[in-house]
Amino acid sequence: MLFGRDTPLLFEDVPPTDDNYDELLPRRIERLRTLAAEAHLDAVNVPDVHVNEATVDGYCTALRVTQPRRYASDIHRATGIRTVLNVVVPYYSTDELEKELLGASRGGIHDVVLVGGAGKGKYVGPRIPDANAFARRLDYRPHVTPNIGNIAVPTRRDAVPDEPQRILQKVRTGASYLTSQIVYEAESTVRLLAELDRLFAREHEKPPLYFIGVAPVTSERDVKFLQWLGVKIPPQTENEILSSDEPSTASMAHALGICDTIQTEVRERGIRVPLGVLVEYASYHSFDAAAELAQQLDIKRRERVLLA
């Protein structure tokens, strides 16, 4: 069992920026320690944040504004909490990627999500299937070989190859789990899971652990930021949340409803893709709402009404 139990629960926490890292670290660590105990988190997911994408000598480049590997290692060392490091592969040369992966293993990080590029430009780093295979070939001794994960985008259905075929290729090159882009409706996820179930059965492959991505919002600014990131939020859902007296409460209820719907569909259709949940936030001022959502999901999980 990859994360130690059925229906693992991950919580994503964005690292502090470099200019205030040391100042903020103790408080951030303590908040995560408390949340991990209250929500029985299985791991903290640490994203790799890049901004200001530009083109240099024909290649897409971006400024890295945080130190995710350092943050993931600091969390693990201070608390013992399992951490998942995200690496945006397109911005890393092969040598840089090797350094990042070996450094993660030395730092006690045994789970790495290799993330692709957001655009269609030319990048320095390898394609994700090639990065998966490269990561599996590295010699991590005397440390542990990390579990490799990738990203799933359930709403990305007009690409060639289609998302199920992309995921099959990722699994065949080394991915054992997927973290989903944040979703605000259940239909695209249910459709993808059903197609993955059929495809992997036909190909005699073991389906990957699939983390449903959910995030509460507390303001219109949160909504616009998620939409800028490419998250699809149905207009009716956006209106219902933002017109509520308590948008955070409304969005938490909506996220719980999405998980319930997916659970029901997976059970009734006999879909055999194992599931987990990844809780994220749009901005740090929504941390408390995301933490409350994680606790509610854990309660449902322990009562065996969440994805049981």
C-alpha atoms as a PDB file:
ATOM      1  CA  MET A   1       0.000   0.000   0.000  1.00  0.00           C
ATOM      2  CA  LEU A   2       1.752   3.103  -1.315  1.00  0.00           C
ATOM      3  CA  PHE A   3       0.880   5.631   1.401  1.00  0.00           C
ATOM      4  CA  GLY A   4       0.254   3.180   4.214  1.00  0.00           C
ATOM      5  CA  ARG A   5      -3.551   3.026   4.198  1.00  0.00           C
ATOM      6  CA  ASP A   6      -6.679   3.073   2.054  1.00  0.00           C
ATOM      7  CA  THR A   7      -7.774   6.527   0.881  1.00  0.00           C
ATOM      8  CA  PRO A   8      -4.606   8.447   1.773  1.00  0.00           C
ATOM      9  CA  LEU A   9      -5.058  12.146   2.517  1.00  0.00           C
ATOM     10  CA  LEU A  10      -2.479  14.689   1.359  1.00  0.00           C
ATOM     11  CA  PHE A  11      -2.316  18.403   2.159  1.00  0.00           C
ATOM     12  CA  GLU A  12      -0.479  20.819  -0.091  1.00  0.00           C
ATOM     13  CA  ASP A  13       1.506  23.664   1.469  1.00  0.00           C
ATOM     14  CA  VAL A  14       3.320  26.241  -0.659  1.00  0.00           C
ATOM     15  CA  PRO A  15       6.836  27.022   0.646  1.00  0.00           C
ATOM     16  CA  PRO A  16       7.593  30.512   1.945  1.00  0.00           C
ATOM     17  CA  THR A  17       9.438  32.686  -0.541  1.00  0.00           C
ATOM     18  CA  ASP A  18      13.186  33.017  -0.190  1.00  0.00           C
ATOM     19  CA  ASP A  19      13.084  36.549   1.242  1.00  0.00           C
ATOM     20  CA  ASN A  20      11.191  35.509   4.401  1.00  0.00           C
ATOM     21  CA  TYR A  21      11.823  31.763   4.580  1.00  0.00           C
ATOM     22  CA  ASP A  22      13.771  31.648   7.858  1.00  0.00           C
ATOM     23  CA  GLU A  23      11.368  34.034   9.568  1.00  0.00           C
ATOM     24  CA  LEU A  24       8.223  32.114   8.630  1.00  0.00           C
ATOM     25  CA  LEU A  25       9.512  28.541   8.845  1.00  0.00           C
ATOM     26  CA  PRO A  26       8.916  27.865  12.596  1.00  0.00           C
ATOM     27  CA  ARG A  27       5.277  28.967  12.471  1.00  0.00           C
ATOM     28  CA  ARG A  28       4.618  27.102   9.226  1.00  0.00           C
ATOM     29  CA  ILE A  29       6.137  23.935  10.668  1.00  0.00           C
ATOM     30  CA  GLU A  30       4.007  24.194  13.798  1.00  0.00           C
ATOM     31  CA  ARG A  31       0.790  24.699  11.814  1.00  0.00           C
ATOM     32  CA  LEU A  32       1.536  21.607   9.739  1.00  0.00           C
ATOM     33  CA  ARG A  33       2.441  19.584  12.828  1.00  0.00           C
ATOM     34  CA  THR A  34      -0.917  20.465  14.388  1.00  0.00           C
ATOM     35  CA  LEU A  35      -2.882  19.796  11.213  1.00  0.00           C
ATOM     36  CA  ALA A  36      -1.146  16.477  10.582  1.00  0.00           C
ATOM     37  CA  ALA A  37      -2.212  15.307  14.034  1.00  0.00           C
ATOM     38  CA  GLU A  38      -5.776  16.621  13.782  1.00  0.00           C
ATOM     39  CA  ALA A  39      -6.467  15.410  10.222  1.00  0.00           C
ATOM     40  CA  HIS A  40      -4.263  12.300  10.342  1.00  0.00           C
ATOM     41  CA  LEU A  41      -2.474  13.445   7.197  1.00  0.00           C
ATOM     42  CA  ASP A  42      -0.576  10.811   5.276  1.00  0.00           C
ATOM     43  CA  ALA A  43       1.799  13.353   3.731  1.00  0.00           C
ATOM     44  CA  VAL A  44       2.373  17.030   2.959  1.00  0.00           C
ATOM     45  CA  ASN A  45       2.609  17.854  -0.740  1.00  0.00           C
ATOM     46  CA  VAL A  46       5.117  20.632  -1.541  1.00  0.00           C
ATOM     47  CA  PRO A  47       4.745  22.360  -4.943  1.00  0.00           C
ATOM     48  CA  ASP A  48       7.561  23.744  -7.080  1.00  0.00           C
ATOM     49  CA  VAL A  49       6.609  27.374  -7.782  1.00  0.00           C
ATOM     50  CA  HIS A  50       7.916  29.197 -10.858  1.00  0.00           C
ATOM     51  CA  VAL A  51       6.798  32.635 -12.084  1.00  0.00           C
ATOM     52  CA  ASN A  52       7.580  35.190 -14.789  1.00  0.00           C
ATOM     53  CA  GLU A  53       7.869  32.728 -17.649  1.00  0.00           C
ATOM     54  CA  ALA A  54       9.848  34.154 -20.559  1.00  0.00           C
ATOM     55  CA  THR A  55      11.722  32.924 -23.612  1.00  0.00           C
ATOM     56  CA  VAL A  56      15.515  32.944 -23.622  1.00  0.00           C
ATOM     57  CA  ASP A  57      17.437  31.645 -26.634  1.00  0.00           C
ATOM     58  CA  GLY A  58      14.287  29.938 -27.847  1.00  0.00           C
ATOM     59  CA  TYR A  59      13.600  28.122 -24.548  1.00  0.00           C
ATOM     60  CA  CYS A  60      10.905  28.821 -21.966  1.00  0.00           C
ATOM     61  CA  THR A  61      12.400  29.898 -18.645  1.00  0.00           C
ATOM     62  CA  ALA A  62      10.929  31.000 -15.320  1.00  0.00           C
ATOM     63  CA  LEU A  63      12.161  32.363 -12.019  1.00  0.00           C
ATOM     64  CA  ARG A  64      11.964  29.894  -9.149  1.00  0.00           C
ATOM     65  CA  VAL A  65      10.730  31.838  -6.133  1.00  0.00           C
ATOM     66  CA  THR A  66      10.763  29.148  -3.452  1.00  0.00           C
ATOM     67  CA  GLN A  67      12.949  26.280  -2.274  1.00  0.00           C
ATOM     68  CA  PRO A  68      10.573  23.301  -2.283  1.00  0.00           C
ATOM     69  CA  ARG A  69      13.214  20.630  -1.645  1.00  0.00           C
ATOM     70  CA  ARG A  70      14.560  22.526   1.349  1.00  0.00           C
ATOM     71  CA  TYR A  71      11.033  23.068   2.674  1.00  0.00           C
ATOM     72  CA  ALA A  72      10.010  19.425   2.225  1.00  0.00           C
ATOM     73  CA  SER A  73      13.182  18.280   3.991  1.00  0.00           C
ATOM     74  CA  ASP A  74      12.726  20.809   6.811  1.00  0.00           C
ATOM     75  CA  ILE A  75       9.141  19.634   7.375  1.00  0.00           C
ATOM     76  CA  HIS A  76      10.197  16.001   7.465  1.00  0.00           C
ATOM     77  CA  ARG A  77      13.165  16.569   9.774  1.00  0.00           C
ATOM     78  CA  ALA A  78      11.219  18.748  12.213  1.00  0.00           C
ATOM     79  CA  THR A  79       8.037  16.688  12.402  1.00  0.00           C
ATOM     80  CA  GLY A  80       8.615  13.252  10.896  1.00  0.00           C
ATOM     81  CA  ILE A  81       5.724  13.908   8.518  1.00  0.00           C
ATOM     82  CA  ARG A  82       6.068  12.255   5.131  1.00  0.00           C
ATOM     83  CA  THR A  83       6.555  14.831   2.375  1.00  0.00           C
ATOM     84  CA  VAL A  84       5.948  14.746  -1.374  1.00  0.00           C
ATOM     85  CA  LEU A  85       8.211  16.970  -3.476  1.00  0.00           C
ATOM     86  CA  ASN A  86       6.970  18.358  -6.794  1.00  0.00           C
ATOM     87  CA  VAL A  87       9.528  19.087  -9.512  1.00  0.00           C
ATOM     88  CA  VAL A  88       8.538  21.070 -12.622  1.00  0.00           C
ATOM     89  CA  VAL A  89      10.700  19.062 -15.001  1.00  0.00           C
ATOM     90  CA  PRO A  90      10.737  21.354 -18.074  1.00  0.00           C
ATOM     91  CA  TYR A  91      12.873  23.930 -16.263  1.00  0.00           C
ATOM     92  CA  TYR A  92      15.587  21.415 -15.301  1.00  0.00           C
ATOM     93  CA  SER A  93      18.382  20.129 -17.472  1.00  0.00           C
ATOM     94  CA  THR A  94      19.143  16.439 -17.051  1.00  0.00           C
ATOM     95  CA  ASP A  95      22.045  17.233 -14.722  1.00  0.00           C
ATOM     96  CA  GLU A  96      19.882  19.574 -12.643  1.00  0.00           C
ATOM     97  CA  LEU A  97      17.107  16.994 -12.454  1.00  0.00           C
ATOM     98  CA  GLU A  98      19.558  14.355 -11.246  1.00  0.00           C
ATOM     99  CA  LYS A  99      20.830  16.738  -8.563  1.00  0.00           C
ATOM    100  CA  GLU A 100      17.275  17.502  -7.439  1.00  0.00           C
ATOM    101  CA  LEU A 101      16.231  13.852  -7.232  1.00  0.00           C
ATOM    102  CA  LEU A 102      19.350  12.664  -5.421  1.00  0.00           C
ATOM    103  CA  GLY A 103      19.138  15.635  -3.064  1.00  0.00           C
ATOM    104  CA  ALA A 104      15.526  14.797  -2.276  1.00  0.00           C
ATOM    105  CA  SER A 105      16.438  11.218  -1.406  1.00  0.00           C
ATOM    106  CA  ARG A 106      19.271  12.387   0.855  1.00  0.00           C
ATOM    107  CA  GLY A 107      16.866  14.790   2.550  1.00  0.00           C
ATOM    108  CA  GLY A 108      14.458  12.036   3.565  1.00  0.00           C
ATOM    109  CA  ILE A 109      11.973  12.706   0.747  1.00  0.00           C
ATOM    110  CA  HIS A 110      10.771   9.406  -0.680  1.00  0.00           C
ATOM    111  CA  ASP A 111       7.943  10.659  -2.906  1.00  0.00           C
ATOM    112  CA  VAL A 112       8.469  12.916  -5.924  1.00  0.00           C
ATOM    113  CA  VAL A 113       5.854  14.212  -8.384  1.00  0.00           C
ATOM    114  CA  LEU A 114       7.358  15.061 -11.766  1.00  0.00           C
ATOM    115  CA  VAL A 115       5.307  17.868 -13.313  1.00  0.00           C
ATOM    116  CA  GLY A 116       5.115  18.866 -16.973  1.00  0.00           C
ATOM    117  CA  GLY A 117       5.101  22.318 -18.536  1.00  0.00           C
ATOM    118  CA  ALA A 118       2.004  24.470 -18.706  1.00  0.00           C
ATOM    119  CA  GLY A 119       2.609  25.720 -22.235  1.00  0.00           C
ATOM    120  CA  LYS A 120       3.587  24.367 -25.624  1.00  0.00           C
ATOM    121  CA  GLY A 121       6.930  26.132 -25.831  1.00  0.00           C
ATOM    122  CA  LYS A 122      10.395  24.635 -26.017  1.00  0.00           C
ATOM    123  CA  TYR A 123      11.847  23.685 -22.641  1.00  0.00           C
ATOM    124  CA  VAL A 124      15.237  22.646 -21.316  1.00  0.00           C
ATOM    125  CA  GLY A 125      14.014  19.548 -19.502  1.00  0.00           C
ATOM    126  CA  PRO A 126      12.839  16.171 -20.794  1.00  0.00           C
ATOM    127  CA  ARG A 127       9.297  15.010 -21.473  1.00  0.00           C
ATOM    128  CA  ILE A 128       7.579  13.498 -18.443  1.00  0.00           C
ATOM    129  CA  PRO A 129       7.760   9.841 -19.584  1.00  0.00           C
ATOM    130  CA  ASP A 130      11.476  10.314 -20.246  1.00  0.00           C
ATOM    131  CA  ALA A 131      11.912  11.995 -16.854  1.00  0.00           C
ATOM    132  CA  ASN A 132      10.110   9.090 -15.161  1.00  0.00           C
ATOM    133  CA  ALA A 133      12.418   6.568 -16.791  1.00  0.00           C
ATOM    134  CA  PHE A 134      15.456   8.703 -15.956  1.00  0.00           C
ATOM    135  CA  ALA A 135      14.396   8.942 -12.300  1.00  0.00           C
ATOM    136  CA  ARG A 136      13.980   5.176 -12.079  1.00  0.00           C
ATOM    137  CA  ARG A 137      17.475   4.567 -13.472  1.00  0.00           C
ATOM    138  CA  LEU A 138      19.334   6.724 -10.959  1.00  0.00           C
ATOM    139  CA  ASP A 139      21.388   5.087  -8.221  1.00  0.00           C
ATOM    140  CA  TYR A 140      20.072   6.483  -4.938  1.00  0.00           C
ATOM    141  CA  ARG A 141      22.144   4.233  -2.659  1.00  0.00           C
ATOM    142  CA  PRO A 142      22.554   4.314   0.285  1.00  0.00           C
ATOM    143  CA  HIS A 143      19.273   6.221   0.368  1.00  0.00           C
ATOM    144  CA  VAL A 144      15.786   5.129  -0.705  1.00  0.00           C
ATOM    145  CA  THR A 145      14.601   5.155  -4.315  1.00  0.00           C
ATOM    146  CA  PRO A 146      11.633   7.572  -4.371  1.00  0.00           C
ATOM    147  CA  ASN A 147       8.117   6.712  -5.473  1.00  0.00           C
ATOM    148  CA  ILE A 148       7.435   8.638  -8.676  1.00  0.00           C
ATOM    149  CA  GLY A 149       4.122  10.389  -9.308  1.00  0.00           C
ATOM    150  CA  ASN A 150       2.767  12.588 -12.091  1.00  0.00           C
ATOM    151  CA  ILE A 151      -0.108  14.994 -12.694  1.00  0.00           C
ATOM    152  CA  ALA A 152      -3.541  14.110 -14.106  1.00  0.00           C
ATOM    153  CA  VAL A 153      -5.788  16.700 -15.760  1.00  0.00           C
ATOM    154  CA  PRO A 154      -9.280  15.184 -16.024  1.00  0.00           C
ATOM    155  CA  THR A 155     -10.563  18.091 -18.120  1.00  0.00           C
ATOM    156  CA  ARG A 156      -7.766  17.721 -20.719  1.00  0.00           C
ATOM    157  CA  ARG A 157      -9.667  15.611 -23.233  1.00  0.00           C
ATOM    158  CA  ASP A 158      -8.946  17.236 -26.601  1.00  0.00           C
ATOM    159  CA  ALA A 159      -5.223  16.479 -26.714  1.00  0.00           C
ATOM    160  CA  VAL A 160      -3.477  13.821 -28.760  1.00  0.00           C
ATOM    161  CA  PRO A 161      -2.836  11.434 -27.149  1.00  0.00           C
ATOM    162  CA  ASP A 162      -5.884  11.667 -24.918  1.00  0.00           C
ATOM    163  CA  GLU A 163      -5.473  11.819 -21.128  1.00  0.00           C
ATOM    164  CA  PRO A 164      -5.996   8.077 -20.455  1.00  0.00           C
ATOM    165  CA  GLN A 165      -3.289   7.186 -22.971  1.00  0.00           C
ATOM    166  CA  ARG A 166      -0.985   9.814 -21.480  1.00  0.00           C
ATOM    167  CA  ILE A 167      -1.488   8.294 -18.046  1.00  0.00           C
ATOM    168  CA  LEU A 168      -0.841   4.776 -19.321  1.00  0.00           C
ATOM    169  CA  GLN A 169       2.453   5.957 -20.804  1.00  0.00           C
ATOM    170  CA  LYS A 170       3.383   7.653 -17.532  1.00  0.00           C
ATOM    171  CA  VAL A 171       2.674   4.502 -15.535  1.00  0.00           C
ATOM    172  CA  ARG A 172       4.638   2.327 -17.941  1.00  0.00           C
ATOM    173  CA  THR A 173       7.647   4.600 -17.513  1.00  0.00           C
ATOM    174  CA  GLY A 174       7.564   4.566 -13.722  1.00  0.00           C
ATOM    175  CA  ALA A 175       4.678   6.541 -12.193  1.00  0.00           C
ATOM    176  CA  SER A 176       2.828   4.755  -9.390  1.00  0.00           C
ATOM    177  CA  TYR A 177       0.416   7.548  -8.420  1.00  0.00           C
ATOM    178  CA  LEU A 178      -1.198  10.682  -9.841  1.00  0.00           C
ATOM    179  CA  THR A 179      -2.238  13.950  -8.238  1.00  0.00           C
ATOM    180  CA  SER A 180      -5.140  15.573 -10.021  1.00  0.00           C
ATOM    181  CA  GLN A 181      -5.513  19.172 -11.000  1.00  0.00           C
ATOM    182  CA  ILE A 182      -8.079  20.823  -8.700  1.00  0.00           C
ATOM    183  CA  VAL A 183     -11.627  19.959  -9.758  1.00  0.00           C
ATOM    184  CA  TYR A 184     -14.899  21.780  -9.138  1.00  0.00           C
ATOM    185  CA  GLU A 185     -17.148  19.169 -10.712  1.00  0.00           C
ATOM    186  CA  ALA A 186     -17.199  15.379 -10.511  1.00  0.00           C
ATOM    187  CA  GLU A 187     -18.142  14.414 -14.059  1.00  0.00           C
ATOM    188  CA  SER A 188     -14.733  14.800 -15.695  1.00  0.00           C
ATOM    189  CA  THR A 189     -13.049  12.776 -12.946  1.00  0.00           C
ATOM    190  CA  VAL A 190     -15.630   9.981 -13.058  1.00  0.00           C
ATOM    191  CA  ARG A 191     -15.307   9.775 -16.834  1.00  0.00           C
ATOM    192  CA  LEU A 192     -11.513   9.628 -16.650  1.00  0.00           C
ATOM    193  CA  LEU A 193     -11.518   7.003 -13.881  1.00  0.00           C
ATOM    194  CA  ALA A 194     -13.954   4.810 -15.810  1.00  0.00           C
ATOM    195  CA  GLU A 195     -11.818   5.018 -18.944  1.00  0.00           C
ATOM    196  CA  LEU A 196      -8.640   4.314 -16.972  1.00  0.00           C
ATOM    197  CA  ASP A 197     -10.292   1.266 -15.428  1.00  0.00           C
ATOM    198  CA  ARG A 198     -11.161  -0.147 -18.852  1.00  0.00           C
ATOM    199  CA  LEU A 199      -7.839   0.789 -20.450  1.00  0.00           C
ATOM    200  CA  PHE A 200      -5.647  -0.653 -17.713  1.00  0.00           C
ATOM    201  CA  ALA A 201      -7.695  -3.860 -17.577  1.00  0.00           C
ATOM    202  CA  ARG A 202      -7.365  -4.270 -21.333  1.00  0.00           C
ATOM    203  CA  GLU A 203      -3.605  -3.638 -21.178  1.00  0.00           C
ATOM    204  CA  HIS A 204      -3.150  -5.909 -18.122  1.00  0.00           C
ATOM    205  CA  GLU A 205      -1.593  -3.048 -16.164  1.00  0.00           C
ATOM    206  CA  LYS A 206      -2.091  -2.101 -12.518  1.00  0.00           C
ATOM    207  CA  PRO A 207      -3.891   1.266 -12.300  1.00  0.00           C
ATOM    208  CA  PRO A 208      -2.119   4.030 -10.357  1.00  0.00           C
ATOM    209  CA  LEU A 209      -3.289   5.533  -7.092  1.00  0.00           C
ATOM    210  CA  TYR A 210      -5.316   8.611  -8.075  1.00  0.00           C
ATOM    211  CA  PHE A 211      -5.544  11.653  -5.774  1.00  0.00           C
ATOM    212  CA  ILE A 212      -8.620  13.826  -6.305  1.00  0.00           C
ATOM    213  CA  GLY A 213      -7.564  17.480  -6.060  1.00  0.00           C
ATOM    214  CA  VAL A 214      -9.908  19.791  -4.127  1.00  0.00           C
ATOM    215  CA  ALA A 215      -9.476  23.308  -2.762  1.00  0.00           C
ATOM    216  CA  PRO A 216     -11.803  25.674  -0.908  1.00  0.00           C
ATOM    217  CA  VAL A 217     -11.963  29.335  -1.873  1.00  0.00           C
ATOM    218  CA  THR A 218     -12.636  32.282   0.395  1.00  0.00           C
ATOM    219  CA  SER A 219     -12.962  35.135  -2.110  1.00  0.00           C
ATOM    220  CA  GLU A 220     -13.439  36.080  -5.749  1.00  0.00           C
ATOM    221  CA  ARG A 221      -9.687  36.624  -5.902  1.00  0.00           C
ATOM    222  CA  ASP A 222      -9.151  32.943  -5.082  1.00  0.00           C
ATOM    223  CA  VAL A 223     -11.546  31.939  -7.846  1.00  0.00           C
ATOM    224  CA  LYS A 224      -9.848  34.130 -10.436  1.00  0.00           C
ATOM    225  CA  PHE A 225      -6.424  32.821  -9.457  1.00  0.00           C
ATOM    226  CA  LEU A 226      -7.517  29.197  -9.820  1.00  0.00           C
ATOM    227  CA  GLN A 227      -9.061  29.980 -13.190  1.00  0.00           C
ATOM    228  CA  TRP A 228      -5.808  31.620 -14.256  1.00  0.00           C
ATOM    229  CA  LEU A 229      -4.057  28.372 -13.320  1.00  0.00           C
ATOM    230  CA  GLY A 230      -6.395  26.518 -15.669  1.00  0.00           C
ATOM    231  CA  VAL A 231      -8.881  25.137 -13.141  1.00  0.00           C
ATOM    232  CA  LYS A 232     -12.343  24.751 -14.696  1.00  0.00           C
ATOM    233  CA  ILE A 233     -15.042  26.137 -12.406  1.00  0.00           C
ATOM    234  CA  PRO A 234     -18.611  25.877 -13.760  1.00  0.00           C
ATOM    235  CA  PRO A 235     -20.296  29.315 -13.796  1.00  0.00           C
ATOM    236  CA  GLN A 236     -23.198  28.087 -11.663  1.00  0.00           C
ATOM    237  CA  THR A 237     -20.797  26.715  -9.050  1.00  0.00           C
ATOM    238  CA  GLU A 238     -18.805  29.952  -9.021  1.00  0.00           C
ATOM    239  CA  ASN A 239     -21.978  31.985  -8.537  1.00  0.00           C
ATOM    240  CA  GLU A 240     -23.300  29.736  -5.766  1.00  0.00           C
ATOM    241  CA  ILE A 241     -20.042  29.939  -3.826  1.00  0.00           C
ATOM    242  CA  LEU A 242     -19.394  33.669  -4.220  1.00  0.00           C
ATOM    243  CA  SER A 243     -23.012  34.692  -3.559  1.00  0.00           C
ATOM    244  CA  SER A 244     -23.010  32.749  -0.294  1.00  0.00           C
ATOM    245  CA  ASP A 245     -22.690  34.599   3.007  1.00  0.00           C
ATOM    246  CA  GLU A 246     -19.756  32.265   3.783  1.00  0.00           C
ATOM    247  CA  PRO A 247     -17.907  31.399   0.554  1.00  0.00           C
ATOM    248  CA  SER A 248     -15.380  29.234   2.380  1.00  0.00           C
ATOM    249  CA  THR A 249     -18.133  27.141   3.981  1.00  0.00           C
ATOM    250  CA  ALA A 250     -19.979  26.849   0.680  1.00  0.00           C
ATOM    251  CA  SER A 251     -16.863  25.802  -1.206  1.00  0.00           C
ATOM    252  CA  MET A 252     -15.950  23.239   1.470  1.00  0.00           C
ATOM    253  CA  ALA A 253     -19.420  21.726   1.207  1.00  0.00           C
ATOM    254  CA  HIS A 254     -19.036  21.660  -2.559  1.00  0.00           C
ATOM    255  CA  ALA A 255     -15.674  19.879  -2.323  1.00  0.00           C
ATOM    256  CA  LEU A 256     -17.117  17.281   0.045  1.00  0.00           C
ATOM    257  CA  GLY A 257     -19.999  16.795  -2.369  1.00  0.00           C
ATOM    258  CA  ILE A 258     -17.586  16.187  -5.241  1.00  0.00           C
ATOM    259  CA  CYS A 259     -15.796  13.491  -3.259  1.00  0.00           C
ATOM    260  CA  ASP A 260     -19.122  11.907  -2.295  1.00  0.00           C
ATOM    261  CA  THR A 261     -20.290  11.869  -5.918  1.00  0.00           C
ATOM    262  CA  ILE A 262     -17.052  10.343  -7.164  1.00  0.00           C
ATOM    263  CA  GLN A 263     -17.194   7.757  -4.372  1.00  0.00           C
ATOM    264  CA  THR A 264     -20.741   6.756  -5.296  1.00  0.00           C
ATOM    265  CA  GLU A 265     -19.981   6.497  -9.006  1.00  0.00           C
ATOM    266  CA  VAL A 266     -16.784   4.508  -8.447  1.00  0.00           C
ATOM    267  CA  ARG A 267     -18.571   2.060  -6.170  1.00  0.00           C
ATOM    268  CA  GLU A 268     -21.669   1.636  -8.335  1.00  0.00           C
ATOM    269  CA  ARG A 269     -19.696   1.228 -11.565  1.00  0.00           C
ATOM    270  CA  GLY A 270     -17.155  -1.129 -10.052  1.00  0.00           C
ATOM    271  CA  ILE A 271     -14.231   1.111 -11.025  1.00  0.00           C
ATOM    272  CA  ARG A 272     -10.984  -0.394  -9.726  1.00  0.00           C
ATOM    273  CA  VAL A 273      -8.747   2.688  -9.648  1.00  0.00           C
ATOM    274  CA  PRO A 274      -7.574   3.277  -6.033  1.00  0.00           C
ATOM    275  CA  LEU A 275      -8.331   6.764  -4.746  1.00  0.00           C
ATOM    276  CA  GLY A 276      -6.940   9.337  -2.348  1.00  0.00           C
ATOM    277  CA  VAL A 277      -7.597  13.044  -1.794  1.00  0.00           C
ATOM    278  CA  LEU A 278      -5.243  16.014  -2.107  1.00  0.00           C
ATOM    279  CA  VAL A 279      -6.387  19.199  -0.345  1.00  0.00           C
ATOM    280  CA  GLU A 280      -4.916  22.461  -1.632  1.00  0.00           C
ATOM    281  CA  TYR A 281      -5.522  26.187  -1.182  1.00  0.00           C
ATOM    282  CA  ALA A 282      -5.572  29.033  -3.698  1.00  0.00           C
ATOM    283  CA  SER A 283      -3.604  31.414  -1.478  1.00  0.00           C
ATOM    284  CA  TYR A 284      -2.192  31.237   2.026  1.00  0.00           C
ATOM    285  CA  HIS A 285      -5.029  33.274   3.535  1.00  0.00           C
ATOM    286  CA  SER A 286      -7.202  30.236   2.702  1.00  0.00           C
ATOM    287  CA  PHE A 287      -5.004  27.876   4.754  1.00  0.00           C
ATOM    288  CA  ASP A 288      -7.516  27.644   7.611  1.00  0.00           C
ATOM    289  CA  ALA A 289     -10.355  26.743   5.243  1.00  0.00           C
ATOM    290  CA  ALA A 290      -8.214  24.092   3.567  1.00  0.00           C
ATOM    291  CA  ALA A 291      -7.187  22.723   6.971  1.00  0.00           C
ATOM    292  CA  GLU A 292     -10.831  22.481   8.043  1.00  0.00           C
ATOM    293  CA  LEU A 293     -11.680  20.695   4.793  1.00  0.00           C
ATOM    294  CA  ALA A 294      -8.879  18.197   5.423  1.00  0.00           C
ATOM    295  CA  GLN A 295     -10.240  17.523   8.914  1.00  0.00           C
ATOM    296  CA  GLN A 296     -13.764  16.985   7.578  1.00  0.00           C
ATOM    297  CA  LEU A 297     -12.458  14.589   4.940  1.00  0.00           C
ATOM    298  CA  ASP A 298     -10.560  12.686   7.607  1.00  0.00           C
ATOM    299  CA  ILE A 299     -13.678  12.361   9.756  1.00  0.00           C
ATOM    300  CA  LYS A 300     -15.583  10.908   6.803  1.00  0.00           C
ATOM    301  CA  ARG A 301     -12.652   8.631   6.039  1.00  0.00           C
ATOM    302  CA  ARG A 302     -12.440   7.286   9.592  1.00  0.00           C
ATOM    303  CA  GLU A 303     -16.205   6.777   9.627  1.00  0.00           C
ATOM    304  CA  ARG A 304     -15.648   4.845   6.373  1.00  0.00           C
ATOM    305  CA  VAL A 305     -18.072   6.983   4.404  1.00  0.00           C
ATOM    306  CA  LEU A 306     -15.358   8.596   2.257  1.00  0.00           C
ATOM    307  CA  LEU A 307     -14.195   6.450  -0.647  1.00  0.00           C
ATOM    308  CA  ALA A 308     -14.662   3.320   1.455  1.00  0.00           C
END
